[in-house]
Amino acid sequence: DKMETEEEDDEIPSEFISRKDLEKNRLSREEMEKYSVF
């Protein structure tokens, strides 16, 4: 379970965005429906 939650973030260099930051600033499906581009 720990390996799934971390999802290889330890192997990704710090110069790139982390998975947590991606999830934090990503719109949910409900929010996407409010934008015409989606």
PDB file of all heavy atoms in Angstrom:
ATOM      1  N   ASP A   1       0.829  -1.198   0.000  1.00  0.00           N
ATOM      2  CA  ASP A   1       0.000   0.000   0.000  1.00  0.00           C
ATOM      3  C   ASP A   1       0.865   1.251   0.000  1.00  0.00           C
ATOM      4  O   ASP A   1       0.544   2.242  -0.650  1.00  0.00           O
ATOM      5  CB  ASP A   1      -0.919   0.014   1.226  1.00  0.00           C
ATOM      6  CG  ASP A   1      -1.929  -1.114   1.177  1.00  0.00           C
ATOM      7  OD1 ASP A   1      -2.202  -1.577   0.050  1.00  0.00           O
ATOM      8  OD2 ASP A   1      -2.425  -1.534   2.236  1.00  0.00           O
ATOM      9  N   LYS A   2       1.941   1.215   0.753  1.00  0.00           N
ATOM     10  CA  LYS A   2       2.824   2.379   0.806  1.00  0.00           C
ATOM     11  C   LYS A   2       3.443   2.631  -0.555  1.00  0.00           C
ATOM     12  O   LYS A   2       3.593   3.765  -0.980  1.00  0.00           O
ATOM     13  CB  LYS A   2       3.922   2.154   1.846  1.00  0.00           C
ATOM     14  CG  LYS A   2       3.414   2.177   3.278  1.00  0.00           C
ATOM     15  CD  LYS A   2       4.552   1.963   4.250  1.00  0.00           C
ATOM     16  CE  LYS A   2       4.048   1.978   5.683  1.00  0.00           C
ATOM     17  NZ  LYS A   2       5.145   1.748   6.645  1.00  0.00           N
ATOM     18  N   MET A   3       3.784   1.567  -1.241  1.00  0.00           N
ATOM     19  CA  MET A   3       4.383   1.727  -2.558  1.00  0.00           C
ATOM     20  C   MET A   3       3.398   2.325  -3.533  1.00  0.00           C
ATOM     21  O   MET A   3       3.754   3.141  -4.387  1.00  0.00           O
ATOM     22  CB  MET A   3       4.876   0.373  -3.077  1.00  0.00           C
ATOM     23  CG  MET A   3       6.073  -0.170  -2.310  1.00  0.00           C
ATOM     24  SD  MET A   3       6.547  -1.811  -2.849  1.00  0.00           S
ATOM     25  CE  MET A   3       7.014  -1.487  -4.537  1.00  0.00           C
ATOM     26  N   GLU A   4       2.106   1.958  -3.410  1.00  0.00           N
ATOM     27  CA  GLU A   4       1.105   2.505  -4.308  1.00  0.00           C
ATOM     28  C   GLU A   4       0.848   3.983  -4.043  1.00  0.00           C
ATOM     29  O   GLU A   4       0.649   4.759  -4.955  1.00  0.00           O
ATOM     30  CB  GLU A   4      -0.204   1.722  -4.162  1.00  0.00           C
ATOM     31  CG  GLU A   4      -0.099   0.303  -4.696  1.00  0.00           C
ATOM     32  CD  GLU A   4      -1.380  -0.470  -4.502  1.00  0.00           C
ATOM     33  OE1 GLU A   4      -2.321   0.127  -3.951  1.00  0.00           O
ATOM     34  OE2 GLU A   4      -1.441  -1.631  -4.895  1.00  0.00           O
ATOM     35  N   THR A   5       0.797   4.368  -2.776  1.00  0.00           N
ATOM     36  CA  THR A   5       0.533   5.758  -2.455  1.00  0.00           C
ATOM     37  C   THR A   5       1.682   6.660  -2.861  1.00  0.00           C
ATOM     38  O   THR A   5       1.479   7.774  -3.346  1.00  0.00           O
ATOM     39  CB  THR A   5       0.281   5.924  -0.945  1.00  0.00           C
ATOM     40  OG1 THR A   5       1.382   5.337  -0.219  1.00  0.00           O
ATOM     41  CG2 THR A   5      -1.009   5.216  -0.550  1.00  0.00           C
ATOM     42  N   GLU A   6       2.918   6.168  -2.660  1.00  0.00           N
ATOM     43  CA  GLU A   6       4.068   6.976  -3.035  1.00  0.00           C
ATOM     44  C   GLU A   6       4.241   7.012  -4.548  1.00  0.00           C
ATOM     45  O   GLU A   6       4.608   8.023  -5.123  1.00  0.00           O
ATOM     46  CB  GLU A   6       5.328   6.409  -2.383  1.00  0.00           C
ATOM     47  CG  GLU A   6       5.325   6.578  -0.872  1.00  0.00           C
ATOM     48  CD  GLU A   6       6.541   5.935  -0.246  1.00  0.00           C
ATOM     49  OE1 GLU A   6       7.366   5.383  -1.009  1.00  0.00           O
ATOM     50  OE2 GLU A   6       6.664   5.986   0.987  1.00  0.00           O
ATOM     51  N   GLU A   7       3.942   5.891  -5.196  1.00  0.00           N
ATOM     52  CA  GLU A   7       3.979   5.750  -6.648  1.00  0.00           C
ATOM     53  C   GLU A   7       5.271   6.293  -7.248  1.00  0.00           C
ATOM     54  O   GLU A   7       5.281   7.210  -8.065  1.00  0.00           O
ATOM     55  CB  GLU A   7       2.774   6.449  -7.289  1.00  0.00           C
ATOM     56  CG  GLU A   7       2.581   6.056  -8.728  1.00  0.00           C
ATOM     57  CD  GLU A   7       1.148   6.202  -9.183  1.00  0.00           C
ATOM     58  OE1 GLU A   7       0.278   6.404  -8.355  1.00  0.00           O
ATOM     59  OE2 GLU A   7       0.933   6.097 -10.381  1.00  0.00           O
ATOM     60  N   GLU A   8       6.363   5.768  -6.815  1.00  0.00           N
ATOM     61  CA  GLU A   8       7.659   6.024  -7.409  1.00  0.00           C
ATOM     62  C   GLU A   8       8.098   7.476  -7.277  1.00  0.00           C
ATOM     63  O   GLU A   8       8.955   7.945  -8.019  1.00  0.00           O
ATOM     64  CB  GLU A   8       7.645   5.628  -8.897  1.00  0.00           C
ATOM     65  CG  GLU A   8       7.321   4.164  -9.110  1.00  0.00           C
ATOM     66  CD  GLU A   8       7.208   3.814 -10.594  1.00  0.00           C
ATOM     67  OE1 GLU A   8       7.307   4.729 -11.430  1.00  0.00           O
ATOM     68  OE2 GLU A   8       7.019   2.653 -10.893  1.00  0.00           O
ATOM     69  N   ASP A   9       7.505   8.258  -6.399  1.00  0.00           N
ATOM     70  CA  ASP A   9       7.905   9.648  -6.236  1.00  0.00           C
ATOM     71  C   ASP A   9       9.337   9.768  -5.745  1.00  0.00           C
ATOM     72  O   ASP A   9      10.009  10.760  -6.002  1.00  0.00           O
ATOM     73  CB  ASP A   9       6.963  10.369  -5.252  1.00  0.00           C
ATOM     74  CG  ASP A   9       5.807  11.030  -5.987  1.00  0.00           C
ATOM     75  OD1 ASP A   9       5.773  10.894  -7.228  1.00  0.00           O
ATOM     76  OD2 ASP A   9       4.952  11.654  -5.336  1.00  0.00           O
ATOM     77  N   ASP A  10       9.820   8.741  -5.018  1.00  0.00           N
ATOM     78  CA  ASP A  10      11.182   8.777  -4.511  1.00  0.00           C
ATOM     79  C   ASP A  10      12.204   8.730  -5.640  1.00  0.00           C
ATOM     80  O   ASP A  10      13.317   9.234  -5.512  1.00  0.00           O
ATOM     81  CB  ASP A  10      11.426   7.608  -3.552  1.00  0.00           C
ATOM     82  CG  ASP A  10      10.583   7.737  -2.294  1.00  0.00           C
ATOM     83  OD1 ASP A  10      10.166   8.867  -1.987  1.00  0.00           O
ATOM     84  OD2 ASP A  10      10.344   6.711  -1.630  1.00  0.00           O
ATOM     85  N   GLU A  11      11.809   8.116  -6.773  1.00  0.00           N
ATOM     86  CA  GLU A  11      12.736   7.979  -7.888  1.00  0.00           C
ATOM     87  C   GLU A  11      12.714   9.196  -8.806  1.00  0.00           C
ATOM     88  O   GLU A  11      13.552   9.327  -9.680  1.00  0.00           O
ATOM     89  CB  GLU A  11      12.397   6.711  -8.689  1.00  0.00           C
ATOM     90  CG  GLU A  11      12.482   5.429  -7.857  1.00  0.00           C
ATOM     91  CD  GLU A  11      12.102   4.203  -8.666  1.00  0.00           C
ATOM     92  OE1 GLU A  11      11.825   4.370  -9.866  1.00  0.00           O
ATOM     93  OE2 GLU A  11      12.093   3.100  -8.098  1.00  0.00           O
ATOM     94  N   ILE A  12      11.736  10.089  -8.649  1.00  0.00           N
ATOM     95  CA  ILE A  12      11.621  11.259  -9.510  1.00  0.00           C
ATOM     96  C   ILE A  12      12.477  12.386  -8.951  1.00  0.00           C
ATOM     97  O   ILE A  12      12.338  12.746  -7.781  1.00  0.00           O
ATOM     98  CB  ILE A  12      10.146  11.707  -9.620  1.00  0.00           C
ATOM     99  CG1 ILE A  12       9.330  10.586 -10.269  1.00  0.00           C
ATOM    100  CG2 ILE A  12      10.034  12.993 -10.435  1.00  0.00           C
ATOM    101  CD1 ILE A  12       7.857  10.840 -10.268  1.00  0.00           C
ATOM    102  N   PRO A  13      13.353  12.973  -9.760  1.00  0.00           N
ATOM    103  CA  PRO A  13      14.204  14.065  -9.263  1.00  0.00           C
ATOM    104  C   PRO A  13      13.375  15.243  -8.771  1.00  0.00           C
ATOM    105  O   PRO A  13      12.271  15.500  -9.244  1.00  0.00           O
ATOM    106  CB  PRO A  13      15.033  14.445 -10.500  1.00  0.00           C
ATOM    107  CG  PRO A  13      14.991  13.238 -11.390  1.00  0.00           C
ATOM    108  CD  PRO A  13      13.654  12.608 -11.146  1.00  0.00           C
ATOM    109  N   SER A  14      13.917  15.984  -7.821  1.00  0.00           N
ATOM    110  CA  SER A  14      13.198  17.107  -7.224  1.00  0.00           C
ATOM    111  C   SER A  14      13.023  18.262  -8.196  1.00  0.00           C
ATOM    112  O   SER A  14      12.246  19.180  -7.935  1.00  0.00           O
ATOM    113  CB  SER A  14      13.951  17.594  -5.981  1.00  0.00           C
ATOM    114  OG  SER A  14      15.277  17.973  -6.313  1.00  0.00           O
ATOM    115  N   GLU A  15      13.732  18.245  -9.331  1.00  0.00           N
ATOM    116  CA  GLU A  15      13.607  19.337 -10.302  1.00  0.00           C
ATOM    117  C   GLU A  15      12.298  19.269 -11.075  1.00  0.00           C
ATOM    118  O   GLU A  15      11.977  20.198 -11.822  1.00  0.00           O
ATOM    119  CB  GLU A  15      14.787  19.308 -11.275  1.00  0.00           C
ATOM    120  CG  GLU A  15      14.905  18.006 -12.058  1.00  0.00           C
ATOM    121  CD  GLU A  15      16.185  17.942 -12.880  1.00  0.00           C
ATOM    122  OE1 GLU A  15      16.197  18.506 -13.990  1.00  0.00           O
ATOM    123  OE2 GLU A  15      17.167  17.362 -12.389  1.00  0.00           O
ATOM    124  N   PHE A  16      11.537  18.188 -10.900  1.00  0.00           N
ATOM    125  CA  PHE A  16      10.246  18.041 -11.560  1.00  0.00           C
ATOM    126  C   PHE A  16       9.120  18.066 -10.532  1.00  0.00           C
ATOM    127  O   PHE A  16       9.340  17.852  -9.343  1.00  0.00           O
ATOM    128  CB  PHE A  16      10.192  16.748 -12.377  1.00  0.00           C
ATOM    129  CG  PHE A  16      11.295  16.654 -13.405  1.00  0.00           C
ATOM    130  CD1 PHE A  16      12.268  15.683 -13.306  1.00  0.00           C
ATOM    131  CD2 PHE A  16      11.356  17.562 -14.454  1.00  0.00           C
ATOM    132  CE1 PHE A  16      13.294  15.605 -14.231  1.00  0.00           C
ATOM    133  CE2 PHE A  16      12.378  17.492 -15.396  1.00  0.00           C
ATOM    134  CZ  PHE A  16      13.350  16.514 -15.277  1.00  0.00           C
ATOM    135  N   ILE A  17       7.932  18.311 -11.009  1.00  0.00           N
ATOM    136  CA  ILE A  17       6.777  18.423 -10.121  1.00  0.00           C
ATOM    137  C   ILE A  17       6.477  17.075  -9.471  1.00  0.00           C
ATOM    138  O   ILE A  17       6.691  16.019 -10.072  1.00  0.00           O
ATOM    139  CB  ILE A  17       5.544  18.948 -10.895  1.00  0.00           C
ATOM    140  CG1 ILE A  17       4.437  19.372  -9.923  1.00  0.00           C
ATOM    141  CG2 ILE A  17       5.037  17.905 -11.876  1.00  0.00           C
ATOM    142  CD1 ILE A  17       3.302  20.106 -10.607  1.00  0.00           C
ATOM    143  N   SER A  18       5.986  17.115  -8.252  1.00  0.00           N
ATOM    144  CA  SER A  18       5.629  15.884  -7.537  1.00  0.00           C
ATOM    145  C   SER A  18       4.176  15.514  -7.841  1.00  0.00           C
ATOM    146  O   SER A  18       3.382  16.344  -8.303  1.00  0.00           O
ATOM    147  CB  SER A  18       5.816  16.063  -6.034  1.00  0.00           C
ATOM    148  OG  SER A  18       4.910  17.032  -5.536  1.00  0.00           O
ATOM    149  N   ARG A  19       3.851  14.268  -7.557  1.00  0.00           N
ATOM    150  CA  ARG A  19       2.482  13.801  -7.806  1.00  0.00           C
ATOM    151  C   ARG A  19       1.482  14.512  -6.894  1.00  0.00           C
ATOM    152  O   ARG A  19       0.348  14.786  -7.288  1.00  0.00           O
ATOM    153  CB  ARG A  19       2.419  12.282  -7.579  1.00  0.00           C
ATOM    154  CG  ARG A  19       1.075  11.665  -7.939  1.00  0.00           C
ATOM    155  CD  ARG A  19       1.205  10.157  -7.984  1.00  0.00           C
ATOM    156  NE  ARG A  19      -0.064   9.538  -8.308  1.00  0.00           N
ATOM    157  CZ  ARG A  19      -0.879   9.027  -7.422  1.00  0.00           C
ATOM    158  NH1 ARG A  19      -0.566   9.063  -6.139  1.00  0.00           N
ATOM    159  NH2 ARG A  19      -2.016   8.473  -7.789  1.00  0.00           N
ATOM    160  N   LYS A  20       1.920  14.829  -5.670  1.00  0.00           N
ATOM    161  CA  LYS A  20       1.038  15.530  -4.728  1.00  0.00           C
ATOM    162  C   LYS A  20       0.680  16.919  -5.233  1.00  0.00           C
ATOM    163  O   LYS A  20      -0.466  17.359  -5.126  1.00  0.00           O
ATOM    164  CB  LYS A  20       1.706  15.616  -3.359  1.00  0.00           C
ATOM    165  CG  LYS A  20       1.829  14.289  -2.645  1.00  0.00           C
ATOM    166  CD  LYS A  20       2.465  14.456  -1.278  1.00  0.00           C
ATOM    167  CE  LYS A  20       2.572  13.116  -0.555  1.00  0.00           C
ATOM    168  NZ  LYS A  20       3.217  13.277   0.780  1.00  0.00           N
ATOM    169  N   ASP A  21       1.659  17.624  -5.794  1.00  0.00           N
ATOM    170  CA  ASP A  21       1.392  18.964  -6.327  1.00  0.00           C
ATOM    171  C   ASP A  21       0.492  18.901  -7.549  1.00  0.00           C
ATOM    172  O   ASP A  21      -0.321  19.799  -7.777  1.00  0.00           O
ATOM    173  CB  ASP A  21       2.710  19.658  -6.678  1.00  0.00           C
ATOM    174  CG  ASP A  21       3.499  20.044  -5.437  1.00  0.00           C
ATOM    175  OD1 ASP A  21       2.879  20.192  -4.363  1.00  0.00           O
ATOM    176  OD2 ASP A  21       4.743  20.181  -5.530  1.00  0.00           O
ATOM    177  N   LEU A  22       0.650  17.848  -8.342  1.00  0.00           N
ATOM    178  CA  LEU A  22      -0.240  17.675  -9.497  1.00  0.00           C
ATOM    179  C   LEU A  22      -1.690  17.505  -9.047  1.00  0.00           C
ATOM    180  O   LEU A  22      -2.604  18.128  -9.587  1.00  0.00           O
ATOM    181  CB  LEU A  22       0.197  16.467 -10.330  1.00  0.00           C
ATOM    182  CG  LEU A  22       1.241  16.694 -11.437  1.00  0.00           C
ATOM    183  CD1 LEU A  22       1.615  15.377 -12.082  1.00  0.00           C
ATOM    184  CD2 LEU A  22       0.719  17.668 -12.476  1.00  0.00           C
ATOM    185  N   GLU A  23      -1.884  16.647  -8.067  1.00  0.00           N
ATOM    186  CA  GLU A  23      -3.236  16.396  -7.570  1.00  0.00           C
ATOM    187  C   GLU A  23      -3.818  17.634  -6.885  1.00  0.00           C
ATOM    188  O   GLU A  23      -5.021  17.902  -6.978  1.00  0.00           O
ATOM    189  CB  GLU A  23      -3.213  15.219  -6.593  1.00  0.00           C
ATOM    190  CG  GLU A  23      -2.882  13.888  -7.249  1.00  0.00           C
ATOM    191  CD  GLU A  23      -2.818  12.756  -6.241  1.00  0.00           C
ATOM    192  OE1 GLU A  23      -2.835  13.056  -5.015  1.00  0.00           O
ATOM    193  OE2 GLU A  23      -2.743  11.590  -6.650  1.00  0.00           O
ATOM    194  N   LYS A  24      -2.963  18.368  -6.194  1.00  0.00           N
ATOM    195  CA  LYS A  24      -3.426  19.534  -5.445  1.00  0.00           C
ATOM    196  C   LYS A  24      -3.970  20.621  -6.358  1.00  0.00           C
ATOM    197  O   LYS A  24      -4.976  21.273  -6.048  1.00  0.00           O
ATOM    198  CB  LYS A  24      -2.269  20.082  -4.600  1.00  0.00           C
ATOM    199  CG  LYS A  24      -2.633  21.271  -3.736  1.00  0.00           C
ATOM    200  CD  LYS A  24      -1.435  21.726  -2.930  1.00  0.00           C
ATOM    201  CE  LYS A  24      -1.781  22.946  -2.084  1.00  0.00           C
ATOM    202  NZ  LYS A  24      -0.594  23.402  -1.291  1.00  0.00           N
ATOM    203  N   ASN A  25      -3.325  20.831  -7.511  1.00  0.00           N
ATOM    204  CA  ASN A  25      -3.718  21.915  -8.418  1.00  0.00           C
ATOM    205  C   ASN A  25      -4.469  21.420  -9.647  1.00  0.00           C
ATOM    206  O   ASN A  25      -4.554  22.129 -10.646  1.00  0.00           O
ATOM    207  CB  ASN A  25      -2.469  22.689  -8.870  1.00  0.00           C
ATOM    208  CG  ASN A  25      -1.776  23.384  -7.718  1.00  0.00           C
ATOM    209  OD1 ASN A  25      -2.426  23.938  -6.835  1.00  0.00           O
ATOM    210  ND2 ASN A  25      -0.454  23.359  -7.702  1.00  0.00           N
ATOM    211  N   ARG A  26      -5.013  20.202  -9.566  1.00  0.00           N
ATOM    212  CA  ARG A  26      -5.759  19.660 -10.700  1.00  0.00           C
ATOM    213  C   ARG A  26      -7.257  19.742 -10.432  1.00  0.00           C
ATOM    214  O   ARG A  26      -7.712  19.517  -9.305  1.00  0.00           O
ATOM    215  CB  ARG A  26      -5.343  18.203 -10.935  1.00  0.00           C
ATOM    216  CG  ARG A  26      -5.933  17.598 -12.210  1.00  0.00           C
ATOM    217  CD  ARG A  26      -5.404  16.192 -12.405  1.00  0.00           C
ATOM    218  NE  ARG A  26      -5.826  15.319 -11.313  1.00  0.00           N
ATOM    219  CZ  ARG A  26      -5.160  14.240 -10.917  1.00  0.00           C
ATOM    220  NH1 ARG A  26      -4.012  13.917 -11.496  1.00  0.00           N
ATOM    221  NH2 ARG A  26      -5.612  13.489  -9.949  1.00  0.00           N
ATOM    222  N   LEU A  27      -7.996  20.095 -11.458  1.00  0.00           N
ATOM    223  CA  LEU A  27      -9.444  20.194 -11.318  1.00  0.00           C
ATOM    224  C   LEU A  27     -10.064  18.807 -11.207  1.00  0.00           C
ATOM    225  O   LEU A  27      -9.566  17.843 -11.802  1.00  0.00           O
ATOM    226  CB  LEU A  27     -10.060  20.922 -12.527  1.00  0.00           C
ATOM    227  CG  LEU A  27      -9.631  22.374 -12.778  1.00  0.00           C
ATOM    228  CD1 LEU A  27     -10.309  22.897 -14.042  1.00  0.00           C
ATOM    229  CD2 LEU A  27      -9.982  23.268 -11.598  1.00  0.00           C
ATOM    230  N   SER A  28     -11.157  18.725 -10.469  1.00  0.00           N
ATOM    231  CA  SER A  28     -11.908  17.473 -10.398  1.00  0.00           C
ATOM    232  C   SER A  28     -12.809  17.371 -11.630  1.00  0.00           C
ATOM    233  O   SER A  28     -12.952  18.324 -12.401  1.00  0.00           O
ATOM    234  CB  SER A  28     -12.755  17.449  -9.126  1.00  0.00           C
ATOM    235  OG  SER A  28     -13.704  18.496  -9.135  1.00  0.00           O
ATOM    236  N   ARG A  29     -13.410  16.210 -11.819  1.00  0.00           N
ATOM    237  CA  ARG A  29     -14.299  16.023 -12.974  1.00  0.00           C
ATOM    238  C   ARG A  29     -15.482  16.974 -12.926  1.00  0.00           C
ATOM    239  O   ARG A  29     -15.915  17.514 -13.956  1.00  0.00           O
ATOM    240  CB  ARG A  29     -14.793  14.583 -13.017  1.00  0.00           C
ATOM    241  CG  ARG A  29     -13.705  13.571 -13.344  1.00  0.00           C
ATOM    242  CD  ARG A  29     -14.284  12.183 -13.473  1.00  0.00           C
ATOM    243  NE  ARG A  29     -13.256  11.191 -13.797  1.00  0.00           N
ATOM    244  CZ  ARG A  29     -13.494   9.901 -13.967  1.00  0.00           C
ATOM    245  NH1 ARG A  29     -14.747   9.449 -13.836  1.00  0.00           N
ATOM    246  NH2 ARG A  29     -12.506   9.082 -14.272  1.00  0.00           N
ATOM    247  N   GLU A  30     -16.007  17.196 -11.739  1.00  0.00           N
ATOM    248  CA  GLU A  30     -17.136  18.117 -11.595  1.00  0.00           C
ATOM    249  C   GLU A  30     -16.725  19.540 -11.954  1.00  0.00           C
ATOM    250  O   GLU A  30     -17.494  20.279 -12.593  1.00  0.00           O
ATOM    251  CB  GLU A  30     -17.673  18.076 -10.157  1.00  0.00           C
ATOM    252  CG  GLU A  30     -18.352  16.777  -9.756  1.00  0.00           C
ATOM    253  CD  GLU A  30     -17.363  15.652  -9.488  1.00  0.00           C
ATOM    254  OE1 GLU A  30     -16.138  15.959  -9.388  1.00  0.00           O
ATOM    255  OE2 GLU A  30     -17.777  14.487  -9.384  1.00  0.00           O
ATOM    256  N   GLU A  31     -15.522  19.932 -11.560  1.00  0.00           N
ATOM    257  CA  GLU A  31     -15.034  21.274 -11.883  1.00  0.00           C
ATOM    258  C   GLU A  31     -14.734  21.429 -13.371  1.00  0.00           C
ATOM    259  O   GLU A  31     -14.926  22.507 -13.945  1.00  0.00           O
ATOM    260  CB  GLU A  31     -13.781  21.584 -11.057  1.00  0.00           C
ATOM    261  CG  GLU A  31     -14.059  21.732  -9.561  1.00  0.00           C
ATOM    262  CD  GLU A  31     -12.787  21.865  -8.744  1.00  0.00           C
ATOM    263  OE1 GLU A  31     -11.749  21.284  -9.145  1.00  0.00           O
ATOM    264  OE2 GLU A  31     -12.829  22.545  -7.705  1.00  0.00           O
ATOM    265  N   MET A  32     -14.264  20.359 -13.994  1.00  0.00           N
ATOM    266  CA  MET A  32     -13.969  20.416 -15.434  1.00  0.00           C
ATOM    267  C   MET A  32     -15.230  20.680 -16.257  1.00  0.00           C
ATOM    268  O   MET A  32     -15.173  21.355 -17.295  1.00  0.00           O
ATOM    269  CB  MET A  32     -13.323  19.109 -15.898  1.00  0.00           C
ATOM    270  CG  MET A  32     -11.901  18.915 -15.435  1.00  0.00           C
ATOM    271  SD  MET A  32     -11.190  17.369 -16.068  1.00  0.00           S
ATOM    272  CE  MET A  32      -9.627  17.321 -15.191  1.00  0.00           C
ATOM    273  N   GLU A  33     -16.351  20.156 -15.791  1.00  0.00           N
ATOM    274  CA  GLU A  33     -17.600  20.325 -16.525  1.00  0.00           C
ATOM    275  C   GLU A  33     -18.037  21.789 -16.598  1.00  0.00           C
ATOM    276  O   GLU A  33     -18.824  22.164 -17.459  1.00  0.00           O
ATOM    277  CB  GLU A  33     -18.702  19.488 -15.879  1.00  0.00           C
ATOM    278  CG  GLU A  33     -18.464  17.983 -15.994  1.00  0.00           C
ATOM    279  CD  GLU A  33     -19.519  17.178 -15.258  1.00  0.00           C
ATOM    280  OE1 GLU A  33     -20.382  17.809 -14.602  1.00  0.00           O
ATOM    281  OE2 GLU A  33     -19.496  15.934 -15.331  1.00  0.00           O
ATOM    282  N   LYS A  34     -17.530  22.621 -15.709  1.00  0.00           N
ATOM    283  CA  LYS A  34     -17.893  24.040 -15.698  1.00  0.00           C
ATOM    284  C   LYS A  34     -17.112  24.849 -16.738  1.00  0.00           C
ATOM    285  O   LYS A  34     -17.466  25.998 -17.011  1.00  0.00           O
ATOM    286  CB  LYS A  34     -17.648  24.622 -14.304  1.00  0.00           C
ATOM    287  CG  LYS A  34     -18.456  23.953 -13.202  1.00  0.00           C
ATOM    288  CD  LYS A  34     -18.115  24.535 -11.838  1.00  0.00           C
ATOM    289  CE  LYS A  34     -18.885  23.833 -10.729  1.00  0.00           C
ATOM    290  NZ  LYS A  34     -18.533  24.363  -9.388  1.00  0.00           N
ATOM    291  N   TYR A  35     -16.051  24.255 -17.302  1.00  0.00           N
ATOM    292  CA  TYR A  35     -15.236  24.956 -18.296  1.00  0.00           C
ATOM    293  C   TYR A  35     -15.618  24.494 -19.702  1.00  0.00           C
ATOM    294  O   TYR A  35     -15.752  23.307 -19.970  1.00  0.00           O
ATOM    295  CB  TYR A  35     -13.748  24.687 -18.051  1.00  0.00           C
ATOM    296  CG  TYR A  35     -13.187  25.364 -16.824  1.00  0.00           C
ATOM    297  CD1 TYR A  35     -13.319  24.781 -15.562  1.00  0.00           C
ATOM    298  CD2 TYR A  35     -12.508  26.578 -16.923  1.00  0.00           C
ATOM    299  CE1 TYR A  35     -12.794  25.397 -14.431  1.00  0.00           C
ATOM    300  CE2 TYR A  35     -11.985  27.200 -15.797  1.00  0.00           C
ATOM    301  CZ  TYR A  35     -12.127  26.603 -14.555  1.00  0.00           C
ATOM    302  OH  TYR A  35     -11.613  27.213 -13.442  1.00  0.00           O
ATOM    303  N   SER A  36     -15.741  25.457 -20.589  1.00  0.00           N
ATOM    304  CA  SER A  36     -16.135  25.145 -21.969  1.00  0.00           C
ATOM    305  C   SER A  36     -15.043  24.379 -22.715  1.00  0.00           C
ATOM    306  O   SER A  36     -15.333  23.629 -23.654  1.00  0.00           O
ATOM    307  CB  SER A  36     -16.456  26.439 -22.727  1.00  0.00           C
ATOM    308  OG  SER A  36     -15.331  27.309 -22.725  1.00  0.00           O
ATOM    309  N   VAL A  37     -13.778  24.551 -22.303  1.00  0.00           N
ATOM    310  CA  VAL A  37     -12.682  23.869 -23.009  1.00  0.00           C
ATOM    311  C   VAL A  37     -12.727  22.351 -22.815  1.00  0.00           C
ATOM    312  O   VAL A  37     -12.132  21.608 -23.605  1.00  0.00           O
ATOM    313  CB  VAL A  37     -11.307  24.412 -22.529  1.00  0.00           C
ATOM    314  CG1 VAL A  37     -11.089  25.820 -23.018  1.00  0.00           C
ATOM    315  CG2 VAL A  37     -11.186  24.312 -21.016  1.00  0.00           C
ATOM    316  N   PHE A  38     -13.420  21.907 -21.791  1.00  0.00           N
ATOM    317  CA  PHE A  38     -13.536  20.463 -21.554  1.00  0.00           C
ATOM    318  C   PHE A  38     -14.850  19.891 -22.106  1.00  0.00           C
ATOM    319  O   PHE A  38     -15.134  18.708 -21.918  1.00  0.00           O
ATOM    320  CB  PHE A  38     -13.436  20.162 -20.059  1.00  0.00           C
ATOM    321  CG  PHE A  38     -12.073  20.398 -19.485  1.00  0.00           C
ATOM    322  CD1 PHE A  38     -11.807  21.533 -18.753  1.00  0.00           C
ATOM    323  CD2 PHE A  38     -11.039  19.491 -19.695  1.00  0.00           C
ATOM    324  CE1 PHE A  38     -10.550  21.761 -18.217  1.00  0.00           C
ATOM    325  CE2 PHE A  38      -9.781  19.717 -19.175  1.00  0.00           C
ATOM    326  CZ  PHE A  38      -9.530  20.862 -18.428  1.00  0.00           C
TER     327      PHE A  38
END
